[in-house]
């Protein structure tokens, strides 16, 4: 009987956790077709090609298996935990990253611009903070950032 209760409690915990991602995405205006997708393990790197144009970068991604991840996970490193949702808005793709772990509460949106590199004036979303030129919001910097450091960016008067 205790095994059945354990399974029920575990299922409720997992479902409520995934539902939290669903609610945050909905509040951000992202259409969610499903939640609870499997984890994708990858190593990625973005390099700015031209420092005068921070939105132009080269991106390399290497997908790895769960087994490869487990082997690498024992090495000392910084990690970045996030769930990405992608929504098509007009001709643009909007990616919404909801961060976990030490960055819990951080939500970043990235708009894949066309070749012009400019956002149309009638784009249907207001931006809270533009962070394209802010090196603190690059993946490598975010992976090393503590919750206190993140809080100091948005609430400097509390530090």
Foldseek 3Di string as FASTA:
>chain_A
DVVVVVVVVVVVVVVVVFVVVVVVCVVVVADDPDTDDDDWDKDKDWDAPDLVDLVDIDMDIDTDDPVVCVVVVVDDDFDWAWDWDWHDDPPKIKIWIQTDDQQHPDIDIDIDDDPVPDDDPVRPDDDPDDCSNPPCPDPRNVSPDGNVNVCCVVCVVVD
